[in-house]
C-alpha atoms as a PDB file:
ATOM      1  CA  MET A   1      86.975 122.805  98.425  1.00  0.00           C
ATOM      2  CA  ASN A   2      89.870 123.242 100.804  1.00  0.00           C
ATOM      3  CA  GLY A   3      91.700 120.268 102.310  1.00  0.00           C
ATOM      4  CA  ILE A   4      94.932 118.354 102.678  1.00  0.00           C
ATOM      5  CA  VAL A   5      93.666 116.078  99.878  1.00  0.00           C
ATOM      6  CA  GLU A   6      91.473 117.413  97.080  1.00  0.00           C
ATOM      7  CA  ALA A   7      90.227 115.673  93.950  1.00  0.00           C
ATOM      8  CA  PHE A   8      88.510 117.416  91.072  1.00  0.00           C
ATOM      9  CA  ASP A   9      86.516 115.476  88.456  1.00  0.00           C
ATOM     10  CA  LEU A  10      88.714 112.436  89.027  1.00  0.00           C
ATOM     11  CA  MET A  11      88.350 109.724  86.382  1.00  0.00           C
ATOM     12  CA  LYS A  12      90.069 106.367  86.055  1.00  0.00           C
ATOM     13  CA  SER A  13      89.427 103.846  83.296  1.00  0.00           C
ATOM     14  CA  TYR A  14      91.002 100.479  82.567  1.00  0.00           C
ATOM     15  CA  ARG A  15      91.137  98.873  79.128  1.00  0.00           C
ATOM     16  CA  THR A  16      90.223  95.186  79.148  1.00  0.00           C
ATOM     17  CA  ASP A  17      89.472  92.587  76.490  1.00  0.00           C
ATOM     18  CA  GLY A  18      85.806  93.238  77.098  1.00  0.00           C
ATOM     19  CA  GLY A  19      86.143  97.011  76.654  1.00  0.00           C
ATOM     20  CA  ASP A  20      86.848  99.969  78.910  1.00  0.00           C
ATOM     21  CA  VAL A  21      86.027  99.709  82.608  1.00  0.00           C
ATOM     22  CA  HIS A  22      85.266 103.077  84.223  1.00  0.00           C
ATOM     23  CA  ALA A  23      86.384 102.622  87.830  1.00  0.00           C
ATOM     24  CA  LEU A  24      86.023 106.324  88.748  1.00  0.00           C
ATOM     25  CA  ARG A  25      83.512 108.503  86.910  1.00  0.00           C
ATOM     26  CA  GLY A  26      84.246 112.082  87.976  1.00  0.00           C
ATOM     27  CA  VAL A  27      84.863 112.082  91.728  1.00  0.00           C
ATOM     28  CA  ASN A  28      85.114 115.341  93.677  1.00  0.00           C
ATOM     29  CA  ILE A  29      86.237 115.176  97.293  1.00  0.00           C
ATOM     30  CA  ALA A  30      88.133 117.209  99.901  1.00  0.00           C
ATOM     31  CA  ILE A  31      89.630 115.751 103.065  1.00  0.00           C
ATOM     32  CA  GLU A  32      90.661 118.048 105.896  1.00  0.00           C
ATOM     33  CA  ARG A  33      93.875 117.769 107.876  1.00  0.00           C
ATOM     34  CA  GLY A  34      93.314 115.649 110.974  1.00  0.00           C
ATOM     35  CA  GLU A  35      90.227 113.826 109.691  1.00  0.00           C
ATOM     36  CA  MET A  36      89.676 110.087 109.861  1.00  0.00           C
ATOM     37  CA  VAL A  37      87.679 109.182 106.765  1.00  0.00           C
ATOM     38  CA  ALA A  38      86.302 105.729 105.942  1.00  0.00           C
ATOM     39  CA  VAL A  39      85.648 104.954 102.273  1.00  0.00           C
ATOM     40  CA  MET A  40      83.019 102.241 101.987  1.00  0.00           C
ATOM     41  CA  GLY A  41      80.880 100.508  99.391  1.00  0.00           C
ATOM     42  CA  PRO A  42      80.262  97.165  97.662  1.00  0.00           C
ATOM     43  CA  SER A  43      83.004  95.232  95.893  1.00  0.00           C
ATOM     44  CA  GLY A  44      83.922  96.826  92.580  1.00  0.00           C
ATOM     45  CA  CYS A  45      82.507 100.238  93.497  1.00  0.00           C
ATOM     46  CA  GLY A  46      85.869 102.009  93.096  1.00  0.00           C
ATOM     47  CA  LYS A  47      86.905 102.531  96.707  1.00  0.00           C
ATOM     48  CA  THR A  48      90.381 100.981  96.424  1.00  0.00           C
ATOM     49  CA  THR A  49      90.891 102.712  93.067  1.00  0.00           C
ATOM     50  CA  LEU A  50      90.017 105.989  94.771  1.00  0.00           C
ATOM     51  CA  LEU A  51      92.629 105.373  97.482  1.00  0.00           C
ATOM     52  CA  ASN A  52      95.258 104.389  94.912  1.00  0.00           C
ATOM     53  CA  THR A  53      94.665 107.435  92.698  1.00  0.00           C
ATOM     54  CA  LEU A  54      94.443 109.908  95.579  1.00  0.00           C
ATOM     55  CA  SER A  55      97.742 108.583  96.945  1.00  0.00           C
ATOM     56  CA  GLY A  56      99.449 108.448  93.548  1.00  0.00           C
ATOM     57  CA  ILE A  57      99.951 104.680  93.490  1.00  0.00           C
ATOM     58  CA  ASP A  58      97.880 104.525  90.292  1.00  0.00           C
ATOM     59  CA  ASP A  59      97.803 107.009  87.418  1.00  0.00           C
ATOM     60  CA  ILE A  60      94.561 108.784  86.574  1.00  0.00           C
ATOM     61  CA  THR A  61      92.732 109.063  83.268  1.00  0.00           C
ATOM     62  CA  SER A  62      91.748 112.689  83.826  1.00  0.00           C
ATOM     63  CA  GLY A  63      91.047 115.212  86.564  1.00  0.00           C
ATOM     64  CA  LYS A  64      93.333 116.589  89.244  1.00  0.00           C
ATOM     65  CA  VAL A  65      94.543 115.504  92.703  1.00  0.00           C
ATOM     66  CA  LEU A  66      96.114 117.999  95.097  1.00  0.00           C
ATOM     67  CA  VAL A  67      97.935 116.785  98.212  1.00  0.00           C
ATOM     68  CA  ASP A  68      98.954 119.639 100.492  1.00  0.00           C
ATOM     69  CA  GLY A  69      98.444 121.905  97.482  1.00  0.00           C
ATOM     70  CA  VAL A  70     100.781 119.881  95.255  1.00  0.00           C
ATOM     71  CA  SER A  71      99.382 118.480  91.982  1.00  0.00           C
ATOM     72  CA  LEU A  72     100.204 114.814  92.410  1.00  0.00           C
ATOM     73  CA  HIS A  73      99.743 113.596  88.849  1.00  0.00           C
ATOM     74  CA  ASP A  74     101.716 116.423  87.290  1.00  0.00           C
ATOM     75  CA  MET A  75     104.824 114.886  88.845  1.00  0.00           C
ATOM     76  CA  SER A  76     107.069 112.331  87.169  1.00  0.00           C
ATOM     77  CA  ASP A  77     106.954 108.791  88.536  1.00  0.00           C
ATOM     78  CA  SER A  78     110.181 109.301  90.456  1.00  0.00           C
ATOM     79  CA  GLU A  79     109.023 112.633  91.899  1.00  0.00           C
ATOM     80  CA  ARG A  80     105.749 111.059  92.991  1.00  0.00           C
ATOM     81  CA  THR A  81     107.585 108.143  94.602  1.00  0.00           C
ATOM     82  CA  ARG A  82     109.763 110.544  96.610  1.00  0.00           C
ATOM     83  CA  PHE A  83     106.717 112.616  97.566  1.00  0.00           C
ATOM     84  CA  ARG A  84     104.885 109.532  98.838  1.00  0.00           C
ATOM     85  CA  ALA A  85     107.903 108.440 100.858  1.00  0.00           C
ATOM     86  CA  SER A  86     108.204 111.824 102.568  1.00  0.00           C
ATOM     87  CA  SER A  87     104.545 112.762 102.988  1.00  0.00           C
ATOM     88  CA  MET A  88     102.507 109.554 103.178  1.00  0.00           C
ATOM     89  CA  GLY A  89     102.306 106.326 105.130  1.00  0.00           C
ATOM     90  CA  PHE A  90     100.560 103.117 104.062  1.00  0.00           C
ATOM     91  CA  VAL A  91      98.883 100.315 106.012  1.00  0.00           C
ATOM     92  CA  PHE A  92      97.925  97.222 104.013  1.00  0.00           C
ATOM     93  CA  GLN A  93      95.620  94.288 104.691  1.00  0.00           C
ATOM     94  CA  ALA A  94      98.488  91.846 104.066  1.00  0.00           C
ATOM     95  CA  PHE A  95     100.901  93.814 106.318  1.00  0.00           C
ATOM     96  CA  ASN A  96     103.725  93.760 103.697  1.00  0.00           C
ATOM     97  CA  LEU A  97     106.434  93.454 106.325  1.00  0.00           C
ATOM     98  CA  ILE A  98     109.838  92.136 105.264  1.00  0.00           C
ATOM     99  CA  PRO A  99     110.001  88.637 106.790  1.00  0.00           C
ATOM    100  CA  VAL A 100     113.769  88.510 107.395  1.00  0.00           C
ATOM    101  CA  LEU A 101     113.769  91.776 109.357  1.00  0.00           C
ATOM    102  CA  THR A 102     112.735  92.223 112.966  1.00  0.00           C
ATOM    103  CA  ALA A 103     109.926  94.556 113.979  1.00  0.00           C
ATOM    104  CA  VAL A 104     112.320  97.374 114.811  1.00  0.00           C
ATOM    105  CA  GLU A 105     114.259  96.843 111.562  1.00  0.00           C
ATOM    106  CA  ASN A 106     111.054  96.958 109.495  1.00  0.00           C
ATOM    107  CA  ILE A 107     110.251 100.352 111.021  1.00  0.00           C
ATOM    108  CA  GLU A 108     113.818 101.599 110.585  1.00  0.00           C
ATOM    109  CA  LEU A 109     113.891 100.792 106.886  1.00  0.00           C
ATOM    110  CA  PRO A 110     111.968 103.845 105.530  1.00  0.00           C
ATOM    111  CA  LEU A 111     114.005 106.078 107.828  1.00  0.00           C
ATOM    112  CA  LEU A 112     117.296 104.674 106.548  1.00  0.00           C
ATOM    113  CA  LEU A 113     116.104 104.945 102.945  1.00  0.00           C
ATOM    114  CA  GLY A 114     115.255 108.567 103.677  1.00  0.00           C
ATOM    115  CA  GLY A 115     118.818 109.265 104.790  1.00  0.00           C
ATOM    116  CA  SER A 116     118.596 108.955 108.582  1.00  0.00           C
ATOM    117  CA  LYS A 117     121.611 107.708 110.500  1.00  0.00           C
ATOM    118  CA  GLN A 118     121.354 104.194 111.932  1.00  0.00           C
ATOM    119  CA  SER A 119     121.421 105.431 115.534  1.00  0.00           C
ATOM    120  CA  THR A 120     118.737 108.047 114.894  1.00  0.00           C
ATOM    121  CA  ALA A 121     116.554 105.554 113.015  1.00  0.00           C
ATOM    122  CA  ARG A 122     116.809 103.024 115.856  1.00  0.00           C
ATOM    123  CA  ILE A 123     115.720 105.572 118.469  1.00  0.00           C
ATOM    124  CA  ARG A 124     112.782 106.668 116.322  1.00  0.00           C
ATOM    125  CA  ALA A 125     111.749 103.059 115.594  1.00  0.00           C
ATOM    126  CA  ILE A 126     111.718 102.168 119.292  1.00  0.00           C
ATOM    127  CA  GLU A 127     109.645 105.283 120.041  1.00  0.00           C
ATOM    128  CA  LEU A 128     107.119 104.193 117.407  1.00  0.00           C
ATOM    129  CA  LEU A 129     106.970 100.640 118.774  1.00  0.00           C
ATOM    130  CA  SER A 130     106.180 102.147 122.158  1.00  0.00           C
ATOM    131  CA  LEU A 131     103.479 104.290 120.556  1.00  0.00           C
ATOM    132  CA  VAL A 132     101.712 101.155 119.273  1.00  0.00           C
ATOM    133  CA  GLU A 133     102.398  99.290 122.545  1.00  0.00           C
ATOM    134  CA  LEU A 134     104.851  96.780 121.062  1.00  0.00           C
ATOM    135  CA  GLU A 135     108.242  97.710 122.489  1.00  0.00           C
ATOM    136  CA  ASP A 136     108.560  94.178 123.920  1.00  0.00           C
ATOM    137  CA  GLN A 137     108.344  92.724 120.392  1.00  0.00           C
ATOM    138  CA  ALA A 138     111.162  94.811 118.907  1.00  0.00           C
ATOM    139  CA  ASN A 139     113.475  91.898 118.091  1.00  0.00           C
ATOM    140  CA  LYS A 140     110.854  89.480 116.783  1.00  0.00           C
ATOM    141  CA  ARG A 141     110.382  88.765 113.095  1.00  0.00           C
ATOM    142  CA  PRO A 142     106.902  88.899 111.536  1.00  0.00           C
ATOM    143  CA  ALA A 143     106.432  85.097 111.618  1.00  0.00           C
ATOM    144  CA  GLU A 144     106.957  85.198 115.383  1.00  0.00           C
ATOM    145  CA  MET A 145     104.140  87.718 115.914  1.00  0.00           C
ATOM    146  CA  SER A 146     100.356  87.518 115.766  1.00  0.00           C
ATOM    147  CA  GLY A 147      98.408  89.185 112.960  1.00  0.00           C
ATOM    148  CA  GLY A 148      97.403  92.045 115.223  1.00  0.00           C
ATOM    149  CA  GLN A 149     101.004  92.609 116.300  1.00  0.00           C
ATOM    150  CA  GLN A 150     102.152  92.599 112.677  1.00  0.00           C
ATOM    151  CA  GLN A 151      99.516  95.176 111.788  1.00  0.00           C
ATOM    152  CA  ARG A 152     100.648  97.384 114.663  1.00  0.00           C
ATOM    153  CA  VAL A 153     104.216  97.174 113.333  1.00  0.00           C
ATOM    154  CA  THR A 154     102.823  98.187 109.939  1.00  0.00           C
ATOM    155  CA  ILE A 155     101.129 101.204 111.545  1.00  0.00           C
ATOM    156  CA  ALA A 156     104.362 102.167 113.295  1.00  0.00           C
ATOM    157  CA  ARG A 157     106.262 101.873 110.012  1.00  0.00           C
ATOM    158  CA  ALA A 158     103.651 104.045 108.279  1.00  0.00           C
ATOM    159  CA  LEU A 159     104.294 106.784 110.860  1.00  0.00           C
ATOM    160  CA  ALA A 160     108.094 106.625 110.583  1.00  0.00           C
ATOM    161  CA  ASN A 161     108.590 109.767 108.492  1.00  0.00           C
ATOM    162  CA  ASN A 162     105.863 111.820 110.226  1.00  0.00           C
ATOM    163  CA  PRO A 163     103.560 111.606 107.195  1.00  0.00           C
ATOM    164  CA  ALA A 164     100.864 114.175 106.544  1.00  0.00           C
ATOM    165  CA  ILE A 165      98.480 111.336 105.588  1.00  0.00           C
ATOM    166  CA  VAL A 166      98.224 107.630 106.363  1.00  0.00           C
ATOM    167  CA  TRP A 167      96.302 105.513 103.842  1.00  0.00           C
ATOM    168  CA  ALA A 168      94.904 102.203 105.079  1.00  0.00           C
ATOM    169  CA  ASP A 169      93.428  99.585 102.730  1.00  0.00           C
ATOM    170  CA  GLU A 170      91.231  97.140 104.695  1.00  0.00           C
ATOM    171  CA  PRO A 171      93.471  97.424 107.788  1.00  0.00           C
ATOM    172  CA  THR A 172      91.404  94.963 109.853  1.00  0.00           C
ATOM    173  CA  ALA A 173      90.187  92.535 107.171  1.00  0.00           C
ATOM    174  CA  ALA A 174      92.837  89.890 107.921  1.00  0.00           C
ATOM    175  CA  LEU A 175      92.158  90.034 111.675  1.00  0.00           C
ATOM    176  CA  ASP A 176      89.511  88.571 113.968  1.00  0.00           C
ATOM    177  CA  SER A 177      86.971  91.020 115.367  1.00  0.00           C
ATOM    178  CA  GLU A 178      88.641  91.493 118.751  1.00  0.00           C
ATOM    179  CA  THR A 179      92.089  92.042 117.237  1.00  0.00           C
ATOM    180  CA  GLY A 180      90.609  94.351 114.603  1.00  0.00           C
ATOM    181  CA  LYS A 181      89.029  96.421 117.361  1.00  0.00           C
ATOM    182  CA  SER A 182      92.391  96.774 119.130  1.00  0.00           C
ATOM    183  CA  VAL A 183      94.008  97.945 115.873  1.00  0.00           C
ATOM    184  CA  MET A 184      91.217 100.487 115.365  1.00  0.00           C
ATOM    185  CA  ASP A 185      91.659 101.630 118.971  1.00  0.00           C
ATOM    186  CA  ILE A 186      95.250 102.541 118.103  1.00  0.00           C
ATOM    187  CA  LEU A 187      94.314 104.324 114.862  1.00  0.00           C
ATOM    188  CA  CYS A 188      91.611 106.331 116.651  1.00  0.00           C
ATOM    189  CA  ARG A 189      93.991 107.239 119.470  1.00  0.00           C
ATOM    190  CA  LEU A 190      96.618 108.426 116.994  1.00  0.00           C
ATOM    191  CA  ASN A 191      93.960 110.434 115.164  1.00  0.00           C
ATOM    192  CA  GLU A 192      92.645 112.048 118.345  1.00  0.00           C
ATOM    193  CA  GLU A 193      95.919 112.655 120.189  1.00  0.00           C
ATOM    194  CA  ARG A 194      98.262 113.427 117.286  1.00  0.00           C
ATOM    195  CA  LYS A 195      95.662 114.791 114.842  1.00  0.00           C
ATOM    196  CA  GLN A 196      96.976 112.275 112.303  1.00  0.00           C
ATOM    197  CA  THR A 197      95.006 112.208 109.062  1.00  0.00           C
ATOM    198  CA  PHE A 198      93.767 108.713 108.185  1.00  0.00           C
ATOM    199  CA  ILE A 199      91.962 107.708 104.998  1.00  0.00           C
ATOM    200  CA  LEU A 200      90.903 104.079 105.129  1.00  0.00           C
ATOM    201  CA  VAL A 201      89.063 101.721 102.824  1.00  0.00           C
ATOM    202  CA  THR A 202      86.894  99.191 104.601  1.00  0.00           C
ATOM    203  CA  HIS A 203      83.904  96.936 104.030  1.00  0.00           C
ATOM    204  CA  ASP A 204      83.375  96.584 107.797  1.00  0.00           C
ATOM    205  CA  GLU A 205      80.564  98.748 109.167  1.00  0.00           C
ATOM    206  CA  THR A 206      81.994  98.577 112.695  1.00  0.00           C
ATOM    207  CA  VAL A 207      85.277 100.000 111.404  1.00  0.00           C
ATOM    208  CA  GLY A 208      83.479 102.706 109.432  1.00  0.00           C
ATOM    209  CA  ALA A 209      81.509 103.711 112.518  1.00  0.00           C
ATOM    210  CA  ARG A 210      84.771 104.563 114.292  1.00  0.00           C
ATOM    211  CA  ALA A 211      85.663 107.180 111.667  1.00  0.00           C
ATOM    212  CA  GLN A 212      84.551 110.799 111.806  1.00  0.00           C
ATOM    213  CA  ARG A 213      83.233 110.643 108.277  1.00  0.00           C
ATOM    214  CA  ILE A 214      81.983 107.936 105.932  1.00  0.00           C
ATOM    215  CA  VAL A 215      82.251 108.317 102.163  1.00  0.00           C
ATOM    216  CA  ARG A 216      80.134 105.670 100.419  1.00  0.00           C
ATOM    217  CA  MET A 217      80.826 104.814  96.816  1.00  0.00           C
ATOM    218  CA  ARG A 218      78.736 103.128  94.156  1.00  0.00           C
ATOM    219  CA  ASP A 219      79.577 102.528  90.495  1.00  0.00           C
ATOM    220  CA  GLY A 220      82.652 104.776  90.531  1.00  0.00           C
ATOM    221  CA  LEU A 221      80.920 107.760  92.113  1.00  0.00           C
ATOM    222  CA  ILE A 222      80.434 109.067  95.644  1.00  0.00           C
ATOM    223  CA  ASP A 223      76.957 107.992  96.675  1.00  0.00           C
ATOM    224  CA  SER A 224      76.956 109.738 100.059  1.00  0.00           C
ATOM    225  CA  ASP A 225      79.389 111.686 102.234  1.00  0.00           C
ATOM    226  CA  ARG A 226      78.519 112.282 105.846  1.00  0.00           C
ATOM    227  CA  GLY A 227      79.704 112.089 109.427  1.00  0.00           C
ATOM    228  CA  SER A 228      79.475 108.698 111.104  1.00  0.00           C
ATOM    229  CA  ASN A 229      77.561 108.065 114.323  1.00  0.00           C
ATOM    230  CA  LYS A 230      80.831 108.021 116.233  1.00  0.00           C
ATOM    231  CA  LYS A 231      80.420 109.166 119.822  1.00  0.00           C
END
């Protein structure tokens, strides 16, 4: 395998009162730079666990994950946190915006934490708001925006540090179908025009059909891995 993300015999187990739960049972996968990959499958199949272990949010039980050739789980927690901040962006179903900050301030935050000057961060944040067609919402707080607008701010924030990969966990699940389509339009445009790598978990077949590749999971294993019918 050869990709920006590679997993070899990836296993993840959880210990519960009822015994061990094997969420991942030896997953092998490679994702190429510039791909948009949808990970799909029934509830409890391991798709969110796969995203969390590939991105280093969760530890693994055994196996290996390489991101841009770097062994993710050989790092310390602090090293992995810094690596995620510099190389990855995240889009969540619940948006996870800071309610007391405006849209532009939410996008600035990862830039400021990364050491950017305030003036530089503000210019970059406004550029990103323009990229997701929200420059007119720059000074609004999350509660003053629709769900679709909040998700677009989340996408802009995920792109702040020019990440190699953006991970998206059910990015349209909290949105109505029309708003979800507009969010996917933006993700697809960013993928096509900027060659941004997106790896998204979704239960929505219409979302999966927009990706270049669909990885279907079942019982902690990859059940199928193929291109979508995207035109």
